[in-house]
Amino acid sequence: QVQLVESGGGLVQAGGSLRLSCAASGRTFSTVAMGWFRQAPGKAREFVASINWSGGNQRYADSVKDRFTISRDNAKNTVYLQMNSLKPEDTAVYYCAADKTPLSTHRRLSDYDYWGQGTQVTVSS
């Protein structure tokens, strides 16, 4: 089992930045790959970014590439999502998720085994 708790969401103006954190407990953190997803009102949950167990490989959705950066600190059992140049369309609840396949950088929701409760990000225009 892996328990995940997101933090760092909030209200920010367009063009601003936020850093989300996701603290993990339970299973050894370095044995899981991690992902960030988001869900806007009335829309399906979508992939944002993923990172493998070591942090050596990352994957991004086209909509956030060059603006968002995923990283992890295995010593702190935490994965981060640095979000720069935020746009109103980035407004959503952001979720972190853990994938028991440590080498992966999956994009599909169904590949992830554990989910956090989410943190709200609101970008005003």
Protein backbone atom coordinates (compact mmCIF):
# COMPACT_ATOMS: atom_id res chain seq x y z
CA GLN A 1 0.00 0.00 0.00
CA VAL A 2 1.06 3.56 -0.69
CA GLN A 3 -0.61 6.59 0.87
CA LEU A 4 -0.29 9.84 -1.06
CA VAL A 5 -0.99 13.37 0.16
CA GLU A 6 -0.80 16.35 -2.20
CA SER A 7 -0.16 19.93 -1.15
CA GLY A 8 0.77 23.26 -2.65
CA GLY A 9 -2.33 24.11 -4.62
CA GLY A 10 -3.95 27.50 -4.53
CA LEU A 11 -5.02 30.56 -6.46
CA VAL A 12 -2.52 32.23 -8.78
CA GLN A 13 -2.71 34.76 -11.57
CA ALA A 14 -2.03 33.80 -15.17
CA GLY A 15 1.70 33.76 -15.82
CA GLY A 16 2.49 32.84 -12.24
CA SER A 17 4.00 29.72 -10.73
CA LEU A 18 3.13 27.07 -8.18
CA ARG A 19 4.93 24.00 -6.90
CA LEU A 20 2.88 20.99 -5.94
CA SER A 21 4.20 18.34 -3.60
CA CYS A 22 3.07 14.79 -3.04
CA ALA A 23 4.26 13.00 0.08
CA ALA A 24 4.21 9.21 0.02
CA SER A 25 4.18 6.69 2.84
CA GLY A 26 3.87 2.95 3.06
CA ARG A 27 5.66 1.05 0.31
CA THR A 28 9.30 1.98 -0.32
CA PHE A 29 9.09 5.10 -2.42
CA SER A 30 11.96 4.22 -4.72
CA THR A 31 10.08 1.11 -5.92
CA VAL A 32 7.29 3.10 -7.57
CA ALA A 33 7.03 5.37 -10.54
CA MET A 34 4.95 8.50 -10.01
CA GLY A 35 2.57 10.56 -12.06
CA TRP A 36 0.56 13.76 -11.91
CA PHE A 37 -2.91 14.01 -13.39
CA ARG A 38 -5.54 16.72 -13.37
CA GLN A 39 -9.29 17.02 -13.67
CA ALA A 40 -11.08 20.19 -14.65
CA PRO A 41 -14.79 20.66 -13.91
CA GLY A 42 -16.91 18.64 -16.31
CA LYS A 43 -13.90 17.00 -17.92
CA ALA A 44 -12.18 13.64 -17.66
CA ARG A 45 -9.05 13.22 -15.61
CA GLU A 46 -6.00 13.64 -17.82
CA PHE A 47 -2.31 12.90 -17.73
CA VAL A 48 0.07 15.72 -16.89
CA ALA A 49 3.50 14.22 -16.21
CA SER A 50 5.23 11.08 -14.98
CA ILE A 51 8.63 10.09 -13.67
CA ASN A 52 10.34 6.76 -13.17
CA TRP A 53 11.73 5.48 -9.88
CA SER A 54 15.13 7.15 -10.20
CA GLY A 55 13.96 10.41 -11.72
CA GLY A 56 16.04 9.72 -14.80
CA ASN A 57 13.08 9.57 -17.17
CA GLN A 58 10.13 11.92 -17.38
CA ARG A 59 7.17 12.26 -19.69
CA TYR A 60 4.87 15.22 -20.21
CA ALA A 61 1.56 16.00 -21.83
CA ASP A 62 2.01 18.29 -24.82
CA SER A 63 -0.13 20.93 -23.13
CA VAL A 64 2.36 21.39 -20.28
CA LYS A 65 5.68 20.61 -21.94
CA ASP A 66 8.27 23.34 -21.40
CA ARG A 67 6.14 24.89 -18.62
CA PHE A 68 5.89 22.12 -16.01
CA THR A 69 8.67 20.05 -14.48
CA ILE A 70 8.24 16.83 -12.53
CA SER A 71 10.91 15.74 -10.09
CA ARG A 72 11.29 13.51 -7.06
CA ASP A 73 13.36 13.23 -3.91
CA ASN A 74 13.50 9.62 -2.82
CA ALA A 75 15.16 10.55 0.45
CA LYS A 76 12.09 12.64 1.31
CA ASN A 77 9.52 10.28 -0.25
CA THR A 78 8.18 13.19 -2.23
CA VAL A 79 7.39 13.99 -5.85
CA TYR A 80 7.03 17.55 -7.08
CA LEU A 81 5.38 19.35 -9.94
CA GLN A 82 6.81 22.77 -10.68
CA MET A 83 4.31 24.73 -12.73
CA ASN A 84 5.43 27.90 -14.48
CA SER A 85 3.71 30.25 -16.93
CA LEU A 86 0.33 29.08 -15.66
CA LYS A 87 -2.74 29.59 -17.83
CA PRO A 88 -6.43 29.69 -16.91
CA GLU A 89 -6.84 26.36 -18.71
CA ASP A 90 -4.51 24.79 -16.15
CA THR A 91 -7.25 25.24 -13.56
CA ALA A 92 -8.10 21.79 -12.18
CA VAL A 93 -7.78 19.46 -9.25
CA TYR A 94 -4.32 17.93 -9.44
CA TYR A 95 -3.74 14.36 -8.33
CA CYS A 96 -0.57 12.41 -7.78
CA ALA A 97 -0.49 8.68 -8.37
CA ALA A 98 1.90 5.78 -7.84
CA ASP A 99 2.64 3.00 -10.31
CA LYS A 100 4.12 -0.26 -9.00
CA THR A 101 6.16 -0.58 -12.21
CA PRO A 102 9.25 1.42 -11.16
CA LEU A 103 10.84 1.78 -14.60
CA SER A 104 7.72 3.18 -16.23
CA THR A 105 6.57 6.64 -17.21
CA HIS A 106 3.02 5.66 -17.99
CA ARG A 107 0.33 8.04 -19.27
CA ARG A 108 -2.79 5.99 -18.70
CA LEU A 109 -4.83 6.32 -15.52
CA SER A 110 -5.35 2.57 -15.46
CA ASP A 111 -1.60 1.98 -15.08
CA TYR A 112 -1.56 3.62 -11.66
CA ASP A 113 -2.27 1.71 -8.50
CA TYR A 114 -2.58 4.37 -5.80
CA TRP A 115 -4.03 7.87 -5.83
CA GLY A 116 -4.01 10.91 -3.62
CA GLN A 117 -7.05 13.01 -2.77
CA GLY A 118 -6.06 15.94 -4.97
CA THR A 119 -5.24 19.61 -4.54
CA GLN A 120 -7.04 22.48 -6.23
CA VAL A 121 -5.16 24.78 -8.59
CA THR A 122 -7.01 27.86 -9.82
CA VAL A 123 -5.44 30.22 -12.35
CA SER A 124 -7.17 33.57 -12.77
CA SER A 125 -6.99 35.57 -15.99
